[in-house]
Each structure stands twice: as structure tokens, then as C-alpha cells.
All heavy atoms as atom14 arrays in JSON, in Angstrom:
{
  "sequence": "SSAVAALLASEGYDVVGITLQLYDHGAALEKKGACCAGTDIRDARRV",
  "atom14_mask": [
    [1, 1, 1, 1, 1, 1, 0, 0, 0, 0, 0, 0, 0, 0],
    [1, 1, 1, 1, 1, 1, 0, 0, 0, 0, 0, 0, 0, 0],
    [1, 1, 1, 1, 1, 0, 0, 0, 0, 0, 0, 0, 0, 0],
    [1, 1, 1, 1, 1, 1, 1, 0, 0, 0, 0, 0, 0, 0],
    [1, 1, 1, 1, 1, 0, 0, 0, 0, 0, 0, 0, 0, 0],
    [1, 1, 1, 1, 1, 0, 0, 0, 0, 0, 0, 0, 0, 0],
    [1, 1, 1, 1, 1, 1, 1, 1, 0, 0, 0, 0, 0, 0],
    [1, 1, 1, 1, 1, 1, 1, 1, 0, 0, 0, 0, 0, 0],
    [1, 1, 1, 1, 1, 0, 0, 0, 0, 0, 0, 0, 0, 0],
    [1, 1, 1, 1, 1, 1, 0, 0, 0, 0, 0, 0, 0, 0],
    [1, 1, 1, 1, 1, 1, 1, 1, 1, 0, 0, 0, 0, 0],
    [1, 1, 1, 1, 0, 0, 0, 0, 0, 0, 0, 0, 0, 0],
    [1, 1, 1, 1, 1, 1, 1, 1, 1, 1, 1, 1, 0, 0],
    [1, 1, 1, 1, 1, 1, 1, 1, 0, 0, 0, 0, 0, 0],
    [1, 1, 1, 1, 1, 1, 1, 0, 0, 0, 0, 0, 0, 0],
    [1, 1, 1, 1, 1, 1, 1, 0, 0, 0, 0, 0, 0, 0],
    [1, 1, 1, 1, 0, 0, 0, 0, 0, 0, 0, 0, 0, 0],
    [1, 1, 1, 1, 1, 1, 1, 1, 0, 0, 0, 0, 0, 0],
    [1, 1, 1, 1, 1, 1, 1, 0, 0, 0, 0, 0, 0, 0],
    [1, 1, 1, 1, 1, 1, 1, 1, 0, 0, 0, 0, 0, 0],
    [1, 1, 1, 1, 1, 1, 1, 1, 1, 0, 0, 0, 0, 0],
    [1, 1, 1, 1, 1, 1, 1, 1, 0, 0, 0, 0, 0, 0],
    [1, 1, 1, 1, 1, 1, 1, 1, 1, 1, 1, 1, 0, 0],
    [1, 1, 1, 1, 1, 1, 1, 1, 0, 0, 0, 0, 0, 0],
    [1, 1, 1, 1, 1, 1, 1, 1, 1, 1, 0, 0, 0, 0],
    [1, 1, 1, 1, 0, 0, 0, 0, 0, 0, 0, 0, 0, 0],
    [1, 1, 1, 1, 1, 0, 0, 0, 0, 0, 0, 0, 0, 0],
    [1, 1, 1, 1, 1, 0, 0, 0, 0, 0, 0, 0, 0, 0],
    [1, 1, 1, 1, 1, 1, 1, 1, 0, 0, 0, 0, 0, 0],
    [1, 1, 1, 1, 1, 1, 1, 1, 1, 0, 0, 0, 0, 0],
    [1, 1, 1, 1, 1, 1, 1, 1, 1, 0, 0, 0, 0, 0],
    [1, 1, 1, 1, 1, 1, 1, 1, 1, 0, 0, 0, 0, 0],
    [1, 1, 1, 1, 0, 0, 0, 0, 0, 0, 0, 0, 0, 0],
    [1, 1, 1, 1, 1, 0, 0, 0, 0, 0, 0, 0, 0, 0],
    [1, 1, 1, 1, 1, 1, 0, 0, 0, 0, 0, 0, 0, 0],
    [1, 1, 1, 1, 1, 1, 0, 0, 0, 0, 0, 0, 0, 0],
    [1, 1, 1, 1, 1, 0, 0, 0, 0, 0, 0, 0, 0, 0],
    [1, 1, 1, 1, 0, 0, 0, 0, 0, 0, 0, 0, 0, 0],
    [1, 1, 1, 1, 1, 1, 1, 0, 0, 0, 0, 0, 0, 0],
    [1, 1, 1, 1, 1, 1, 1, 1, 0, 0, 0, 0, 0, 0],
    [1, 1, 1, 1, 1, 1, 1, 1, 0, 0, 0, 0, 0, 0],
    [1, 1, 1, 1, 1, 1, 1, 1, 1, 1, 1, 0, 0, 0],
    [1, 1, 1, 1, 1, 1, 1, 1, 0, 0, 0, 0, 0, 0],
    [1, 1, 1, 1, 1, 0, 0, 0, 0, 0, 0, 0, 0, 0],
    [1, 1, 1, 1, 1, 1, 1, 1, 1, 1, 1, 0, 0, 0],
    [1, 1, 1, 1, 1, 1, 1, 1, 1, 1, 1, 0, 0, 0],
    [1, 1, 1, 1, 1, 1, 1, 0, 0, 0, 0, 0, 0, 0]
  ],
  "atom14_positions": [
    [[21.47, 11.62, -67.15], [22.38, 11.37, -68.32], [21.73, 12.18, -69.45], [22.5, 12.7, -70.36], [22.36, 9.86, -68.69], [21.01, 9.37, -68.93], [0.0, 0.0, 0.0], [0.0, 0.0, 0.0], [0.0, 0.0, 0.0], [0.0, 0.0, 0.0], [0.0, 0.0, 0.0], [0.0, 0.0, 0.0], [0.0, 0.0, 0.0], [0.0, 0.0, 0.0]],
    [[20.51, 12.51, -69.53], [19.86, 13.24, -70.58], [20.35, 14.61, -70.51], [20.52, 15.35, -71.41], [18.27, 13.13, -70.46], [17.89, 11.86, -70.68], [0.0, 0.0, 0.0], [0.0, 0.0, 0.0], [0.0, 0.0, 0.0], [0.0, 0.0, 0.0], [0.0, 0.0, 0.0], [0.0, 0.0, 0.0], [0.0, 0.0, 0.0], [0.0, 0.0, 0.0]],
    [[20.36, 15.21, -69.24], [20.93, 16.55, -68.99], [22.25, 16.72, -69.48], [22.68, 17.75, -69.97], [20.61, 16.97, -67.53], [0.0, 0.0, 0.0], [0.0, 0.0, 0.0], [0.0, 0.0, 0.0], [0.0, 0.0, 0.0], [0.0, 0.0, 0.0], [0.0, 0.0, 0.0], [0.0, 0.0, 0.0], [0.0, 0.0, 0.0], [0.0, 0.0, 0.0]],
    [[23.1, 15.69, -69.18], [24.59, 15.65, -69.55], [24.6, 15.75, -71.04], [25.28, 16.59, -71.68], [25.22, 14.5, -69.14], [26.64, 14.29, -69.86], [25.48, 14.5, -67.61], [0.0, 0.0, 0.0], [0.0, 0.0, 0.0], [0.0, 0.0, 0.0], [0.0, 0.0, 0.0], [0.0, 0.0, 0.0], [0.0, 0.0, 0.0], [0.0, 0.0, 0.0]],
    [[23.82, 14.94, -71.81], [23.9, 15.01, -73.28], [23.37, 16.24, -73.78], [24.07, 16.93, -74.77], [23.02, 13.83, -73.8], [0.0, 0.0, 0.0], [0.0, 0.0, 0.0], [0.0, 0.0, 0.0], [0.0, 0.0, 0.0], [0.0, 0.0, 0.0], [0.0, 0.0, 0.0], [0.0, 0.0, 0.0], [0.0, 0.0, 0.0], [0.0, 0.0, 0.0]],
    [[22.36, 16.97, -73.24], [21.81, 18.18, -73.7], [22.85, 19.36, -73.42], [23.02, 20.16, -74.23], [20.37, 18.56, -73.0], [0.0, 0.0, 0.0], [0.0, 0.0, 0.0], [0.0, 0.0, 0.0], [0.0, 0.0, 0.0], [0.0, 0.0, 0.0], [0.0, 0.0, 0.0], [0.0, 0.0, 0.0], [0.0, 0.0, 0.0], [0.0, 0.0, 0.0]],
    [[23.46, 19.32, -72.28], [24.46, 20.41, -71.94], [25.66, 20.36, -72.86], [26.13, 21.34, -73.41], [24.93, 20.1, -70.39], [26.06, 21.0, -70.02], [25.53, 22.42, -70.01], [26.51, 20.61, -68.61], [0.0, 0.0, 0.0], [0.0, 0.0, 0.0], [0.0, 0.0, 0.0], [0.0, 0.0, 0.0], [0.0, 0.0, 0.0], [0.0, 0.0, 0.0]],
    [[26.09, 19.16, -73.21], [27.35, 19.03, -74.07], [26.93, 19.35, -75.5], [27.77, 20.02, -76.18], [27.96, 17.63, -74.01], [28.52, 17.21, -72.6], [28.97, 15.83, -72.59], [29.6, 18.12, -72.16], [0.0, 0.0, 0.0], [0.0, 0.0, 0.0], [0.0, 0.0, 0.0], [0.0, 0.0, 0.0], [0.0, 0.0, 0.0], [0.0, 0.0, 0.0]],
    [[25.75, 18.99, -75.95], [25.35, 19.38, -77.26], [25.2, 20.75, -77.35], [25.51, 21.35, -78.49], [24.0, 18.54, -77.63], [0.0, 0.0, 0.0], [0.0, 0.0, 0.0], [0.0, 0.0, 0.0], [0.0, 0.0, 0.0], [0.0, 0.0, 0.0], [0.0, 0.0, 0.0], [0.0, 0.0, 0.0], [0.0, 0.0, 0.0], [0.0, 0.0, 0.0]],
    [[24.74, 21.47, -76.39], [24.51, 23.0, -76.4], [25.8, 23.68, -76.45], [25.95, 24.85, -76.97], [23.72, 23.41, -75.23], [24.46, 23.45, -74.04], [0.0, 0.0, 0.0], [0.0, 0.0, 0.0], [0.0, 0.0, 0.0], [0.0, 0.0, 0.0], [0.0, 0.0, 0.0], [0.0, 0.0, 0.0], [0.0, 0.0, 0.0], [0.0, 0.0, 0.0]],
    [[26.84, 23.0, -75.9], [28.19, 23.67, -75.89], [28.91, 23.46, -77.26], [30.06, 23.75, -77.46], [29.06, 23.13, -74.75], [28.56, 23.53, -73.39], [29.32, 23.02, -72.32], [30.33, 22.24, -72.48], [28.96, 23.38, -71.09], [0.0, 0.0, 0.0], [0.0, 0.0, 0.0], [0.0, 0.0, 0.0], [0.0, 0.0, 0.0], [0.0, 0.0, 0.0]],
    [[28.31, 22.53, -78.16], [28.87, 22.42, -79.51], [29.65, 21.12, -79.63], [30.38, 20.96, -80.62], [0.0, 0.0, 0.0], [0.0, 0.0, 0.0], [0.0, 0.0, 0.0], [0.0, 0.0, 0.0], [0.0, 0.0, 0.0], [0.0, 0.0, 0.0], [0.0, 0.0, 0.0], [0.0, 0.0, 0.0], [0.0, 0.0, 0.0], [0.0, 0.0, 0.0]],
    [[29.7, 20.22, -78.67], [30.49, 19.05, -78.79], [29.84, 18.1, -79.72], [28.59, 18.1, -80.13], [30.53, 18.36, -77.43], [31.57, 19.02, -76.4], [31.01, 19.88, -75.53], [32.94, 18.88, -76.56], [31.85, 20.59, -74.64], [33.75, 19.48, -75.58], [33.21, 20.3, -74.71], [34.13, 20.94, -73.93], [0.0, 0.0, 0.0], [0.0, 0.0, 0.0]],
    [[30.68, 17.17, -80.3], [30.19, 16.16, -81.32], [29.73, 14.96, -80.38], [30.49, 14.14, -80.02], [31.34, 15.67, -82.21], [30.97, 14.63, -83.06], [29.76, 14.28, -83.19], [31.9, 14.02, -83.67], [0.0, 0.0, 0.0], [0.0, 0.0, 0.0], [0.0, 0.0, 0.0], [0.0, 0.0, 0.0], [0.0, 0.0, 0.0], [0.0, 0.0, 0.0]],
    [[28.38, 15.0, -80.08], [27.8, 14.04, -79.17], [27.29, 12.87, -79.86], [26.63, 12.92, -80.83], [26.69, 14.75, -78.23], [25.96, 13.73, -77.46], [27.28, 15.89, -77.37], [0.0, 0.0, 0.0], [0.0, 0.0, 0.0], [0.0, 0.0, 0.0], [0.0, 0.0, 0.0], [0.0, 0.0, 0.0], [0.0, 0.0, 0.0], [0.0, 0.0, 0.0]],
    [[27.53, 11.74, -79.24], [26.98, 10.47, -79.68], [26.32, 9.73, -78.46], [27.02, 9.57, -77.46], [28.07, 9.57, -80.27], [27.36, 8.14, -80.66], [28.7, 10.14, -81.55], [0.0, 0.0, 0.0], [0.0, 0.0, 0.0], [0.0, 0.0, 0.0], [0.0, 0.0, 0.0], [0.0, 0.0, 0.0], [0.0, 0.0, 0.0], [0.0, 0.0, 0.0]],
    [[25.12, 9.61, -78.45], [24.34, 8.83, -77.28], [24.34, 7.39, -77.45], [24.11, 6.85, -78.55], [0.0, 0.0, 0.0], [0.0, 0.0, 0.0], [0.0, 0.0, 0.0], [0.0, 0.0, 0.0], [0.0, 0.0, 0.0], [0.0, 0.0, 0.0], [0.0, 0.0, 0.0], [0.0, 0.0, 0.0], [0.0, 0.0, 0.0], [0.0, 0.0, 0.0]],
    [[24.59, 6.64, -76.45], [24.6, 5.19, -76.36], [23.74, 4.7, -75.14], [24.1, 5.11, -74.07], [25.92, 4.51, -76.43], [26.67, 4.71, -77.74], [25.83, 3.01, -76.24], [28.07, 4.11, -77.86], [0.0, 0.0, 0.0], [0.0, 0.0, 0.0], [0.0, 0.0, 0.0], [0.0, 0.0, 0.0], [0.0, 0.0, 0.0], [0.0, 0.0, 0.0]],
    [[22.81, 3.9, -75.49], [22.15, 3.19, -74.44], [22.32, 1.79, -74.53], [22.22, 1.12, -75.51], [20.56, 3.58, -74.52], [20.36, 4.9, -74.51], [19.8, 2.83, -73.36], [0.0, 0.0, 0.0], [0.0, 0.0, 0.0], [0.0, 0.0, 0.0], [0.0, 0.0, 0.0], [0.0, 0.0, 0.0], [0.0, 0.0, 0.0], [0.0, 0.0, 0.0]],
    [[22.63, 1.22, -73.3], [22.83, -0.24, -73.26], [21.56, -0.97, -72.82], [20.92, -0.67, -71.76], [23.98, -0.57, -72.21], [25.34, 0.1, -72.42], [26.31, -0.43, -71.38], [25.83, -0.24, -73.83], [0.0, 0.0, 0.0], [0.0, 0.0, 0.0], [0.0, 0.0, 0.0], [0.0, 0.0, 0.0], [0.0, 0.0, 0.0], [0.0, 0.0, 0.0]],
    [[21.08, -1.91, -73.66], [19.99, -2.77, -73.33], [20.62, -3.81, -72.52], [21.22, -4.78, -73.0], [19.33, -3.28, -74.58], [18.1, -4.19, -74.21], [17.38, -4.73, -75.47], [17.07, -3.91, -76.41], [17.23, -5.99, -75.54], [0.0, 0.0, 0.0], [0.0, 0.0, 0.0], [0.0, 0.0, 0.0], [0.0, 0.0, 0.0], [0.0, 0.0, 0.0]],
    [[20.26, -3.93, -71.21], [20.93, -4.82, -70.31], [20.15, -6.04, -69.88], [20.73, -7.01, -69.35], [21.32, -3.98, -69.03], [22.42, -2.94, -69.2], [22.77, -2.19, -67.91], [23.65, -3.41, -69.88], [0.0, 0.0, 0.0], [0.0, 0.0, 0.0], [0.0, 0.0, 0.0], [0.0, 0.0, 0.0], [0.0, 0.0, 0.0], [0.0, 0.0, 0.0]],
    [[18.88, -5.98, -69.88], [18.06, -7.14, -69.61], [16.84, -7.2, -70.57], [16.51, -6.28, -71.24], [17.74, -7.19, -68.16], [16.92, -5.99, -67.62], [15.63, -6.09, -67.44], [17.65, -4.75, -67.37], [14.96, -5.0, -66.99], [17.0, -3.64, -66.89], [15.57, -3.71, -66.67], [14.93, -2.71, -66.27], [0.0, 0.0, 0.0], [0.0, 0.0, 0.0]],
    [[16.01, -8.29, -70.46], [14.99, -8.57, -71.42], [14.16, -7.46, -71.79], [13.38, -6.96, -70.88], [14.18, -9.77, -70.87], [13.21, -10.15, -71.93], [13.63, -10.82, -72.96], [12.06, -9.86, -71.78], [0.0, 0.0, 0.0], [0.0, 0.0, 0.0], [0.0, 0.0, 0.0], [0.0, 0.0, 0.0], [0.0, 0.0, 0.0], [0.0, 0.0, 0.0]],
    [[14.23, -6.94, -73.01], [13.51, -5.77, -73.43], [12.01, -5.99, -73.4], [11.19, -5.25, -72.95], [13.94, -5.42, -74.84], [13.34, -4.23, -75.39], [13.47, -2.89, -74.83], [12.35, -4.03, -76.42], [12.84, -2.08, -75.55], [12.09, -2.71, -76.41], [0.0, 0.0, 0.0], [0.0, 0.0, 0.0], [0.0, 0.0, 0.0], [0.0, 0.0, 0.0]],
    [[11.58, -7.19, -73.88], [10.13, -7.55, -73.88], [9.6, -7.62, -72.34], [8.52, -6.91, -72.26], [0.0, 0.0, 0.0], [0.0, 0.0, 0.0], [0.0, 0.0, 0.0], [0.0, 0.0, 0.0], [0.0, 0.0, 0.0], [0.0, 0.0, 0.0], [0.0, 0.0, 0.0], [0.0, 0.0, 0.0], [0.0, 0.0, 0.0], [0.0, 0.0, 0.0]],
    [[10.24, -8.24, -71.56], [9.69, -8.49, -70.24], [9.71, -7.15, -69.48], [8.88, -6.86, -68.57], [10.51, -9.57, -69.42], [0.0, 0.0, 0.0], [0.0, 0.0, 0.0], [0.0, 0.0, 0.0], [0.0, 0.0, 0.0], [0.0, 0.0, 0.0], [0.0, 0.0, 0.0], [0.0, 0.0, 0.0], [0.0, 0.0, 0.0], [0.0, 0.0, 0.0]],
    [[10.57, -6.22, -69.79], [10.7, -5.0, -69.06], [10.16, -3.79, -69.81], [10.38, -2.75, -69.46], [12.22, -4.8, -68.74], [0.0, 0.0, 0.0], [0.0, 0.0, 0.0], [0.0, 0.0, 0.0], [0.0, 0.0, 0.0], [0.0, 0.0, 0.0], [0.0, 0.0, 0.0], [0.0, 0.0, 0.0], [0.0, 0.0, 0.0], [0.0, 0.0, 0.0]],
    [[9.47, -4.0, -70.93], [9.03, -2.94, -71.73], [8.44, -1.83, -71.01], [8.62, -0.57, -71.43], [8.18, -3.48, -72.88], [7.83, -2.54, -73.99], [9.1, -2.17, -74.76], [6.92, -3.18, -75.01], [0.0, 0.0, 0.0], [0.0, 0.0, 0.0], [0.0, 0.0, 0.0], [0.0, 0.0, 0.0], [0.0, 0.0, 0.0], [0.0, 0.0, 0.0]],
    [[7.4, -2.15, -70.1], [6.64, -1.03, -69.43], [7.19, -0.8, -68.05], [6.56, -0.09, -67.36], [5.16, -1.4, -69.49], [4.54, -1.59, -70.85], [4.83, -0.36, -71.69], [4.77, 0.8, -71.22], [4.93, -0.56, -72.91], [0.0, 0.0, 0.0], [0.0, 0.0, 0.0], [0.0, 0.0, 0.0], [0.0, 0.0, 0.0], [0.0, 0.0, 0.0]],
    [[8.32, -1.25, -67.73], [8.79, -1.12, -66.31], [9.31, 0.29, -66.34], [10.25, 0.71, -67.0], [9.84, -2.12, -65.99], [10.41, -1.96, -64.56], [11.4, -3.06, -64.22], [12.31, -2.79, -63.11], [11.87, -1.98, -61.99], [0.0, 0.0, 0.0], [0.0, 0.0, 0.0], [0.0, 0.0, 0.0], [0.0, 0.0, 0.0], [0.0, 0.0, 0.0]],
    [[8.92, 1.01, -65.18], [9.35, 2.43, -65.13], [10.25, 2.44, -63.89], [10.28, 1.63, -62.99], [8.2, 3.36, -64.88], [7.27, 3.51, -66.06], [6.17, 4.49, -65.98], [5.24, 4.47, -67.21], [4.22, 5.5, -67.0], [0.0, 0.0, 0.0], [0.0, 0.0, 0.0], [0.0, 0.0, 0.0], [0.0, 0.0, 0.0], [0.0, 0.0, 0.0]],
    [[11.05, 3.57, -63.7], [11.87, 3.82, -62.59], [13.1, 2.87, -62.52], [13.71, 2.67, -61.57], [0.0, 0.0, 0.0], [0.0, 0.0, 0.0], [0.0, 0.0, 0.0], [0.0, 0.0, 0.0], [0.0, 0.0, 0.0], [0.0, 0.0, 0.0], [0.0, 0.0, 0.0], [0.0, 0.0, 0.0], [0.0, 0.0, 0.0], [0.0, 0.0, 0.0]],
    [[13.46, 2.24, -63.63], [14.66, 1.39, -63.72], [15.61, 2.16, -64.72], [15.65, 3.35, -64.74], [14.39, 0.03, -64.21], [0.0, 0.0, 0.0], [0.0, 0.0, 0.0], [0.0, 0.0, 0.0], [0.0, 0.0, 0.0], [0.0, 0.0, 0.0], [0.0, 0.0, 0.0], [0.0, 0.0, 0.0], [0.0, 0.0, 0.0], [0.0, 0.0, 0.0]],
    [[16.52, 1.39, -65.33], [17.29, 2.0, -66.39], [17.61, 0.89, -67.35], [17.59, -0.28, -67.06], [18.61, 2.62, -65.81], [19.74, 1.38, -65.15], [0.0, 0.0, 0.0], [0.0, 0.0, 0.0], [0.0, 0.0, 0.0], [0.0, 0.0, 0.0], [0.0, 0.0, 0.0], [0.0, 0.0, 0.0], [0.0, 0.0, 0.0], [0.0, 0.0, 0.0]],
    [[17.99, 1.39, -68.62], [18.49, 0.49, -69.65], [17.6, -0.58, -70.15], [17.99, -1.71, -70.49], [19.79, -0.21, -69.19], [20.96, 1.02, -68.51], [0.0, 0.0, 0.0], [0.0, 0.0, 0.0], [0.0, 0.0, 0.0], [0.0, 0.0, 0.0], [0.0, 0.0, 0.0], [0.0, 0.0, 0.0], [0.0, 0.0, 0.0], [0.0, 0.0, 0.0]],
    [[16.32, -0.36, -70.13], [15.25, -1.22, -70.73], [14.05, -0.47, -70.91], [13.75, 0.54, -70.27], [15.1, -2.46, -69.76], [0.0, 0.0, 0.0], [0.0, 0.0, 0.0], [0.0, 0.0, 0.0], [0.0, 0.0, 0.0], [0.0, 0.0, 0.0], [0.0, 0.0, 0.0], [0.0, 0.0, 0.0], [0.0, 0.0, 0.0], [0.0, 0.0, 0.0]],
    [[13.14, -1.04, -71.78], [11.77, -0.55, -71.85], [11.51, 0.87, -72.25], [12.17, 1.38, -73.08], [0.0, 0.0, 0.0], [0.0, 0.0, 0.0], [0.0, 0.0, 0.0], [0.0, 0.0, 0.0], [0.0, 0.0, 0.0], [0.0, 0.0, 0.0], [0.0, 0.0, 0.0], [0.0, 0.0, 0.0], [0.0, 0.0, 0.0], [0.0, 0.0, 0.0]],
    [[10.73, 1.5, -71.37], [10.37, 2.87, -71.7], [11.54, 3.78, -71.41], [11.73, 4.94, -72.07], [9.4, 3.41, -70.62], [9.91, 3.15, -69.18], [7.96, 2.59, -70.73], [0.0, 0.0, 0.0], [0.0, 0.0, 0.0], [0.0, 0.0, 0.0], [0.0, 0.0, 0.0], [0.0, 0.0, 0.0], [0.0, 0.0, 0.0], [0.0, 0.0, 0.0]],
    [[12.62, 3.44, -70.72], [13.88, 4.16, -70.55], [14.67, 4.32, -71.82], [15.2, 5.26, -72.17], [14.61, 3.65, -69.45], [13.85, 3.63, -68.22], [13.67, 4.74, -67.58], [13.47, 2.58, -67.7], [0.0, 0.0, 0.0], [0.0, 0.0, 0.0], [0.0, 0.0, 0.0], [0.0, 0.0, 0.0], [0.0, 0.0, 0.0], [0.0, 0.0, 0.0]],
    [[14.68, 3.2, -72.68], [15.29, 3.27, -73.95], [14.5, 4.26, -74.81], [15.18, 5.03, -75.57], [15.39, 1.87, -74.59], [16.38, 0.95, -73.72], [15.81, 1.92, -76.0], [16.48, -0.47, -74.15], [0.0, 0.0, 0.0], [0.0, 0.0, 0.0], [0.0, 0.0, 0.0], [0.0, 0.0, 0.0], [0.0, 0.0, 0.0], [0.0, 0.0, 0.0]],
    [[13.29, 4.22, -74.85], [12.53, 5.09, -75.62], [12.7, 6.52, -75.2], [12.87, 7.45, -76.08], [10.98, 4.7, -75.57], [10.71, 3.36, -76.11], [9.17, 3.34, -76.59], [8.36, 3.55, -75.43], [7.71, 2.55, -74.81], [7.94, 1.26, -75.23], [6.9, 2.69, -73.85], [0.0, 0.0, 0.0], [0.0, 0.0, 0.0], [0.0, 0.0, 0.0]],
    [[12.79, 6.79, -73.94], [13.01, 8.16, -73.38], [14.32, 8.74, -73.9], [14.58, 9.84, -74.34], [12.96, 8.11, -72.03], [11.62, 8.09, -71.47], [10.56, 8.32, -72.19], [11.41, 7.74, -70.21], [0.0, 0.0, 0.0], [0.0, 0.0, 0.0], [0.0, 0.0, 0.0], [0.0, 0.0, 0.0], [0.0, 0.0, 0.0], [0.0, 0.0, 0.0]],
    [[15.42, 7.79, -73.85], [16.79, 8.19, -74.36], [16.75, 8.47, -75.74], [17.39, 9.56, -76.31], [17.8, 7.09, -74.02], [0.0, 0.0, 0.0], [0.0, 0.0, 0.0], [0.0, 0.0, 0.0], [0.0, 0.0, 0.0], [0.0, 0.0, 0.0], [0.0, 0.0, 0.0], [0.0, 0.0, 0.0], [0.0, 0.0, 0.0], [0.0, 0.0, 0.0]],
    [[16.07, 7.77, -76.52], [15.99, 7.99, -78.07], [15.22, 9.3, -78.38], [15.64, 10.0, -79.26], [15.12, 6.84, -78.65], [15.11, 6.91, -80.14], [14.43, 5.68, -80.8], [15.23, 4.52, -80.65], [14.91, 3.4, -80.04], [13.68, 3.45, -79.48], [15.66, 2.35, -80.08], [0.0, 0.0, 0.0], [0.0, 0.0, 0.0], [0.0, 0.0, 0.0]],
    [[14.16, 9.56, -77.57], [13.42, 10.86, -77.84], [14.34, 12.06, -77.5], [14.29, 13.08, -78.23], [12.25, 10.85, -76.91], [11.03, 9.92, -77.32], [9.81, 10.31, -76.54], [8.81, 9.36, -76.65], [8.59, 8.51, -75.76], [9.23, 8.5, -74.62], [7.6, 7.58, -75.95], [0.0, 0.0, 0.0], [0.0, 0.0, 0.0], [0.0, 0.0, 0.0]],
    [[15.15, 12.0, -76.42], [16.03, 13.15, -76.0], [17.03, 13.28, -77.27], [17.32, 14.41, -77.59], [16.81, 12.82, -74.87], [18.0, 13.8, -74.55], [15.79, 12.9, -73.61], [0.0, 0.0, 0.0], [0.0, 0.0, 0.0], [0.0, 0.0, 0.0], [0.0, 0.0, 0.0], [0.0, 0.0, 0.0], [0.0, 0.0, 0.0], [0.0, 0.0, 0.0]]
  ]
}
């Protein structure tokens, strides 16, 4: 999904990124290899 956002932004589209927090953010904060919680939200924000 990060590559999709970067590709469309490079083509000049008006891109808006949205990440869904789907389960307990605190409990999953450091869980890696999943999606939509913890470090993955931070990664999406950095992109």
C-alpha cells in the first residue's frame, strides 16, 4: 500500500492516505508483521 501511495503521488494525483486502526492500539503497539495497528500505523504515517 505504501508503494501504491508513492506511485500515485509521483504521477501527480491528489493523494489522501487513510489507515484504519482495527484493534487495540496499546496491546499491539510493538507487534510486527500484522497490519492496521502499532508500528504499522507509524510506518504509514512516515511514508
